Amino acid sequence: MKSYTELEVWMQARVLVNAVYELTKKFPKEEVFGITSQIRRSAISIPSDIAEGCGRSSTKETIHFLFIARGSLYELETQLYLSNDQKYITQEELEKIQQQVIACKKLLNGFINYYKKR
């Protein structure tokens, strides 16, 4: 098995985290402890939980953490829509980052299915 740092799903999740940080830099200062912090925590949880799952000793535990990562990805997606609702990001910015979210969903679902078949 590859190291988690060599997994495409983990690498793409890191790309998403960096995009989220770049996007949230322009959020209002009063949101620094609100949605900005929440979005960043959700994004960071995705590659972190993938890594933690890969470090577990059983397939069942690994799948559990992959599902947690997937939940964080859906949480992030919702927060991005809410940021658009609040006009913190434009529709164009939402659509651009949504492409990365979708790519991560596909990779993560594929990785979960791979582990389920083991």
N, C-alpha and C. Protein backbone atom coordinates (compact mmCIF):
# COMPACT_ATOMS: atom_id res chain seq x y z
N MET A 1 0.84 -1.19 0.00
CA MET A 1 0.00 0.00 0.00
C MET A 1 0.89 1.24 0.00
N LYS A 2 0.49 2.22 -0.77
CA LYS A 2 1.19 3.50 -0.83
C LYS A 2 1.06 4.24 0.50
N SER A 3 2.00 5.14 0.71
CA SER A 3 1.85 6.08 1.82
C SER A 3 0.68 7.00 1.48
N TYR A 4 -0.02 7.47 2.49
CA TYR A 4 -1.16 8.36 2.22
C TYR A 4 -0.72 9.61 1.46
N THR A 5 0.54 10.03 1.63
CA THR A 5 1.02 11.24 0.96
C THR A 5 1.17 11.04 -0.55
N GLU A 6 1.11 9.80 -0.99
CA GLU A 6 1.19 9.50 -2.42
C GLU A 6 -0.18 9.30 -3.06
N LEU A 7 -1.22 9.35 -2.27
CA LEU A 7 -2.58 9.10 -2.77
C LEU A 7 -3.14 10.34 -3.45
N GLU A 8 -3.69 10.15 -4.63
CA GLU A 8 -4.28 11.26 -5.38
C GLU A 8 -5.40 11.94 -4.59
N VAL A 9 -6.20 11.17 -3.87
CA VAL A 9 -7.30 11.73 -3.10
C VAL A 9 -6.77 12.68 -2.02
N TRP A 10 -5.69 12.32 -1.37
CA TRP A 10 -5.11 13.17 -0.33
C TRP A 10 -4.48 14.42 -0.94
N MET A 11 -3.79 14.24 -2.05
CA MET A 11 -3.14 15.38 -2.71
C MET A 11 -4.18 16.39 -3.21
N GLN A 12 -5.27 15.90 -3.79
CA GLN A 12 -6.31 16.81 -4.27
C GLN A 12 -7.04 17.49 -3.12
N ALA A 13 -7.17 16.80 -2.01
CA ALA A 13 -7.79 17.42 -0.83
C ALA A 13 -6.91 18.57 -0.33
N ARG A 14 -5.60 18.40 -0.41
CA ARG A 14 -4.68 19.49 -0.02
C ARG A 14 -4.82 20.68 -0.97
N VAL A 15 -4.96 20.40 -2.25
CA VAL A 15 -5.17 21.47 -3.24
C VAL A 15 -6.45 22.24 -2.88
N LEU A 16 -7.48 21.51 -2.52
CA LEU A 16 -8.74 22.15 -2.13
C LEU A 16 -8.56 23.02 -0.89
N VAL A 17 -7.83 22.54 0.10
CA VAL A 17 -7.57 23.33 1.30
C VAL A 17 -6.90 24.65 0.94
N ASN A 18 -5.89 24.58 0.10
CA ASN A 18 -5.18 25.80 -0.30
C ASN A 18 -6.09 26.76 -1.06
N ALA A 19 -6.96 26.23 -1.89
CA ALA A 19 -7.92 27.08 -2.61
C ALA A 19 -8.89 27.75 -1.64
N VAL A 20 -9.32 27.00 -0.64
CA VAL A 20 -10.23 27.54 0.37
C VAL A 20 -9.55 28.67 1.15
N TYR A 21 -8.31 28.46 1.53
CA TYR A 21 -7.60 29.52 2.25
C TYR A 21 -7.48 30.77 1.40
N GLU A 22 -7.16 30.60 0.13
CA GLU A 22 -7.02 31.75 -0.76
C GLU A 22 -8.37 32.47 -0.91
N LEU A 23 -9.42 31.71 -1.05
CA LEU A 23 -10.75 32.27 -1.23
C LEU A 23 -11.23 33.03 0.01
N THR A 24 -10.94 32.48 1.18
CA THR A 24 -11.46 33.09 2.42
C THR A 24 -10.62 34.26 2.92
N LYS A 25 -9.50 34.53 2.29
CA LYS A 25 -8.68 35.68 2.69
C LYS A 25 -9.44 36.99 2.54
N LYS A 26 -10.38 37.04 1.64
CA LYS A 26 -11.11 38.29 1.38
C LYS A 26 -12.44 38.37 2.13
N PHE A 27 -12.73 37.39 2.96
CA PHE A 27 -13.97 37.43 3.74
C PHE A 27 -13.90 38.60 4.74
N PRO A 28 -15.06 39.11 5.15
CA PRO A 28 -15.08 40.21 6.11
C PRO A 28 -14.35 39.84 7.40
N LYS A 29 -13.68 40.81 7.97
CA LYS A 29 -12.92 40.58 9.22
C LYS A 29 -13.82 40.11 10.36
N GLU A 30 -15.06 40.56 10.37
CA GLU A 30 -15.95 40.13 11.45
C GLU A 30 -16.33 38.66 11.36
N GLU A 31 -16.02 38.03 10.23
CA GLU A 31 -16.30 36.61 10.06
C GLU A 31 -15.10 35.72 10.38
N VAL A 32 -14.00 36.32 10.84
CA VAL A 32 -12.80 35.53 11.08
C VAL A 32 -13.04 34.39 12.07
N PHE A 33 -13.90 34.62 13.06
CA PHE A 33 -14.22 33.57 14.03
C PHE A 33 -15.56 32.90 13.72
N GLY A 34 -16.14 33.26 12.60
CA GLY A 34 -17.41 32.69 12.16
C GLY A 34 -17.20 31.75 11.00
N ILE A 35 -17.79 32.10 9.88
CA ILE A 35 -17.79 31.20 8.73
C ILE A 35 -16.38 30.98 8.15
N THR A 36 -15.52 31.98 8.26
CA THR A 36 -14.15 31.81 7.74
C THR A 36 -13.46 30.67 8.48
N SER A 37 -13.53 30.71 9.78
CA SER A 37 -12.91 29.66 10.60
C SER A 37 -13.57 28.31 10.34
N GLN A 38 -14.88 28.29 10.25
CA GLN A 38 -15.62 27.04 10.05
C GLN A 38 -15.27 26.41 8.70
N ILE A 39 -15.20 27.23 7.65
CA ILE A 39 -14.87 26.73 6.32
C ILE A 39 -13.46 26.13 6.32
N ARG A 40 -12.54 26.85 6.92
CA ARG A 40 -11.16 26.37 6.95
C ARG A 40 -11.04 25.08 7.74
N ARG A 41 -11.73 24.98 8.86
CA ARG A 41 -11.68 23.75 9.67
C ARG A 41 -12.27 22.57 8.90
N SER A 42 -13.37 22.80 8.22
CA SER A 42 -13.98 21.73 7.42
C SER A 42 -13.01 21.26 6.33
N ALA A 43 -12.40 22.21 5.65
CA ALA A 43 -11.47 21.87 4.57
C ALA A 43 -10.27 21.10 5.10
N ILE A 44 -9.70 21.56 6.20
CA ILE A 44 -8.52 20.91 6.79
C ILE A 44 -8.85 19.49 7.24
N SER A 45 -10.07 19.28 7.68
CA SER A 45 -10.48 17.95 8.15
C SER A 45 -10.42 16.89 7.05
N ILE A 46 -10.61 17.31 5.82
CA ILE A 46 -10.69 16.32 4.73
C ILE A 46 -9.37 15.57 4.56
N PRO A 47 -8.25 16.23 4.24
CA PRO A 47 -7.01 15.46 4.10
C PRO A 47 -6.53 14.88 5.44
N SER A 48 -6.86 15.57 6.54
CA SER A 48 -6.44 15.07 7.85
C SER A 48 -7.11 13.74 8.17
N ASP A 49 -8.40 13.63 7.90
CA ASP A 49 -9.11 12.39 8.18
C ASP A 49 -8.73 11.28 7.21
N ILE A 50 -8.40 11.64 5.98
CA ILE A 50 -7.89 10.63 5.03
C ILE A 50 -6.59 10.06 5.59
N ALA A 51 -5.70 10.94 6.03
CA ALA A 51 -4.43 10.50 6.60
C ALA A 51 -4.65 9.64 7.84
N GLU A 52 -5.53 10.10 8.73
CA GLU A 52 -5.78 9.33 9.95
C GLU A 52 -6.35 7.96 9.62
N GLY A 53 -7.26 7.91 8.66
CA GLY A 53 -7.83 6.62 8.27
C GLY A 53 -6.77 5.67 7.73
N CYS A 54 -5.85 6.20 6.94
CA CYS A 54 -4.78 5.36 6.38
C CYS A 54 -3.83 4.87 7.47
N GLY A 55 -3.79 5.57 8.58
CA GLY A 55 -2.93 5.16 9.69
C GLY A 55 -3.57 4.16 10.63
N ARG A 56 -4.79 3.83 10.40
CA ARG A 56 -5.50 2.89 11.26
C ARG A 56 -5.14 1.45 10.91
N SER A 57 -5.36 0.57 11.86
CA SER A 57 -4.91 -0.81 11.69
C SER A 57 -5.91 -1.75 11.03
N SER A 58 -7.14 -1.30 10.87
CA SER A 58 -8.12 -2.18 10.25
C SER A 58 -8.86 -1.46 9.12
N THR A 59 -9.36 -2.25 8.20
CA THR A 59 -10.13 -1.70 7.09
C THR A 59 -11.37 -0.97 7.59
N LYS A 60 -12.02 -1.55 8.60
CA LYS A 60 -13.22 -0.94 9.16
C LYS A 60 -12.93 0.46 9.71
N GLU A 61 -11.82 0.59 10.44
CA GLU A 61 -11.45 1.90 10.98
C GLU A 61 -11.09 2.87 9.87
N THR A 62 -10.39 2.38 8.87
CA THR A 62 -10.01 3.25 7.74
C THR A 62 -11.26 3.79 7.06
N ILE A 63 -12.21 2.92 6.77
CA ILE A 63 -13.45 3.34 6.12
C ILE A 63 -14.20 4.36 6.98
N HIS A 64 -14.19 4.14 8.28
CA HIS A 64 -14.86 5.07 9.20
C HIS A 64 -14.30 6.48 9.02
N PHE A 65 -12.98 6.62 8.98
CA PHE A 65 -12.38 7.94 8.84
C PHE A 65 -12.56 8.51 7.43
N LEU A 66 -12.64 7.65 6.44
CA LEU A 66 -12.92 8.13 5.09
C LEU A 66 -14.33 8.70 5.00
N PHE A 67 -15.26 8.08 5.72
CA PHE A 67 -16.62 8.62 5.77
C PHE A 67 -16.66 9.96 6.52
N ILE A 68 -15.86 10.09 7.55
CA ILE A 68 -15.78 11.37 8.26
C ILE A 68 -15.23 12.43 7.31
N ALA A 69 -14.20 12.09 6.53
CA ALA A 69 -13.64 13.04 5.54
C ALA A 69 -14.72 13.44 4.54
N ARG A 70 -15.51 12.47 4.10
CA ARG A 70 -16.58 12.77 3.15
C ARG A 70 -17.62 13.69 3.77
N GLY A 71 -17.94 13.47 5.02
CA GLY A 71 -18.88 14.35 5.72
C GLY A 71 -18.35 15.77 5.78
N SER A 72 -17.06 15.92 6.04
CA SER A 72 -16.45 17.25 6.08
C SER A 72 -16.49 17.92 4.71
N LEU A 73 -16.36 17.12 3.68
CA LEU A 73 -16.42 17.65 2.31
C LEU A 73 -17.81 18.19 2.01
N TYR A 74 -18.84 17.48 2.43
CA TYR A 74 -20.21 17.96 2.24
C TYR A 74 -20.48 19.18 3.11
N GLU A 75 -19.93 19.20 4.31
CA GLU A 75 -20.05 20.36 5.19
C GLU A 75 -19.41 21.58 4.53
N LEU A 76 -18.22 21.40 3.99
CA LEU A 76 -17.53 22.49 3.30
C LEU A 76 -18.36 23.00 2.12
N GLU A 77 -18.91 22.08 1.35
CA GLU A 77 -19.71 22.47 0.20
C GLU A 77 -20.89 23.36 0.62
N THR A 78 -21.56 22.98 1.68
CA THR A 78 -22.68 23.77 2.19
C THR A 78 -22.22 25.15 2.63
N GLN A 79 -21.10 25.22 3.31
CA GLN A 79 -20.58 26.51 3.78
C GLN A 79 -20.19 27.41 2.61
N LEU A 80 -19.72 26.82 1.54
CA LEU A 80 -19.39 27.61 0.35
C LEU A 80 -20.66 28.19 -0.28
N TYR A 81 -21.72 27.39 -0.33
CA TYR A 81 -23.00 27.92 -0.83
C TYR A 81 -23.50 29.06 0.06
N LEU A 82 -23.36 28.89 1.37
CA LEU A 82 -23.78 29.94 2.30
C LEU A 82 -22.94 31.20 2.12
N SER A 83 -21.67 31.03 1.84
CA SER A 83 -20.79 32.18 1.58
C SER A 83 -21.22 32.92 0.33
N ASN A 84 -21.69 32.18 -0.64
CA ASN A 84 -22.22 32.81 -1.85
C ASN A 84 -23.54 33.54 -1.53
N ASP A 85 -24.38 32.92 -0.72
CA ASP A 85 -25.63 33.56 -0.31
C ASP A 85 -25.36 34.90 0.37
N GLN A 86 -24.30 34.95 1.17
CA GLN A 86 -23.95 36.17 1.90
C GLN A 86 -23.13 37.15 1.06
N LYS A 87 -22.87 36.76 -0.19
CA LYS A 87 -22.10 37.60 -1.12
C LYS A 87 -20.63 37.75 -0.72
N TYR A 88 -20.11 36.76 0.04
CA TYR A 88 -18.69 36.76 0.38
C TYR A 88 -17.86 36.21 -0.78
N ILE A 89 -18.50 35.37 -1.60
CA ILE A 89 -17.87 34.88 -2.83
C ILE A 89 -18.87 35.04 -3.98
N THR A 90 -18.33 35.22 -5.16
CA THR A 90 -19.18 35.39 -6.33
C THR A 90 -19.66 34.03 -6.83
N GLN A 91 -20.64 34.06 -7.71
CA GLN A 91 -21.12 32.82 -8.33
C GLN A 91 -19.99 32.15 -9.11
N GLU A 92 -19.18 32.95 -9.77
CA GLU A 92 -18.06 32.41 -10.53
C GLU A 92 -17.04 31.72 -9.61
N GLU A 93 -16.76 32.34 -8.48
CA GLU A 93 -15.83 31.73 -7.52
C GLU A 93 -16.40 30.43 -6.96
N LEU A 94 -17.71 30.46 -6.68
CA LEU A 94 -18.37 29.25 -6.18
C LEU A 94 -18.27 28.13 -7.21
N GLU A 95 -18.57 28.42 -8.45
CA GLU A 95 -18.52 27.39 -9.49
C GLU A 95 -17.11 26.85 -9.68
N LYS A 96 -16.12 27.71 -9.58
CA LYS A 96 -14.73 27.28 -9.75
C LYS A 96 -14.31 26.33 -8.63
N ILE A 97 -14.59 26.70 -7.39
CA ILE A 97 -14.19 25.84 -6.27
C ILE A 97 -15.08 24.60 -6.21
N GLN A 98 -16.30 24.72 -6.68
CA GLN A 98 -17.21 23.57 -6.72
C GLN A 98 -16.64 22.46 -7.61
N GLN A 99 -15.94 22.84 -8.66
CA GLN A 99 -15.29 21.84 -9.53
C GLN A 99 -14.27 21.03 -8.74
N GLN A 100 -13.53 21.69 -7.85
CA GLN A 100 -12.55 21.00 -7.02
C GLN A 100 -13.25 20.12 -5.99
N VAL A 101 -14.36 20.60 -5.45
CA VAL A 101 -15.13 19.82 -4.49
C VAL A 101 -15.64 18.54 -5.16
N ILE A 102 -16.17 18.67 -6.35
CA ILE A 102 -16.68 17.51 -7.09
C ILE A 102 -15.57 16.51 -7.39
N ALA A 103 -14.42 17.02 -7.79
CA ALA A 103 -13.28 16.13 -8.06
C ALA A 103 -12.89 15.37 -6.80
N CYS A 104 -12.87 16.05 -5.67
CA CYS A 104 -12.53 15.39 -4.40
C CYS A 104 -13.59 14.36 -4.01
N LYS A 105 -14.86 14.69 -4.25
CA LYS A 105 -15.93 13.73 -3.96
C LYS A 105 -15.74 12.44 -4.74
N LYS A 106 -15.44 12.59 -6.03
CA LYS A 106 -15.26 11.40 -6.89
C LYS A 106 -14.09 10.56 -6.42
N LEU A 107 -12.97 11.22 -6.12
CA LEU A 107 -11.79 10.49 -5.66
C LEU A 107 -12.05 9.82 -4.32
N LEU A 108 -12.69 10.52 -3.41
CA LEU A 108 -12.96 9.98 -2.08
C LEU A 108 -13.95 8.82 -2.15
N ASN A 109 -14.99 8.97 -2.95
CA ASN A 109 -15.95 7.87 -3.10
C ASN A 109 -15.27 6.65 -3.72
N GLY A 110 -14.39 6.88 -4.68
CA GLY A 110 -13.65 5.77 -5.27
C GLY A 110 -12.75 5.09 -4.26
N PHE A 111 -12.11 5.87 -3.41
CA PHE A 111 -11.23 5.31 -2.39
C PHE A 111 -12.02 4.52 -1.35
N ILE A 112 -13.19 5.03 -0.98
CA ILE A 112 -14.06 4.32 -0.04
C ILE A 112 -14.49 2.98 -0.67
N ASN A 113 -14.90 3.00 -1.92
CA ASN A 113 -15.31 1.77 -2.60
C ASN A 113 -14.16 0.77 -2.68
N TYR A 114 -12.95 1.27 -2.93
CA TYR A 114 -11.77 0.41 -2.97
C TYR A 114 -11.61 -0.30 -1.62
N TYR A 115 -11.73 0.44 -0.54
CA TYR A 115 -11.55 -0.16 0.79
C TYR A 115 -12.69 -1.11 1.12
N LYS A 116 -13.89 -0.81 0.69
CA LYS A 116 -15.02 -1.69 0.96
C LYS A 116 -14.84 -3.06 0.31
N LYS A 117 -14.13 -3.10 -0.80
CA LYS A 117 -13.94 -4.36 -1.54
C LYS A 117 -12.77 -5.17 -1.01
N ARG A 118 -12.01 -4.61 -0.09
CA ARG A 118 -10.83 -5.31 0.46
C ARG A 118 -11.23 -6.40 1.42
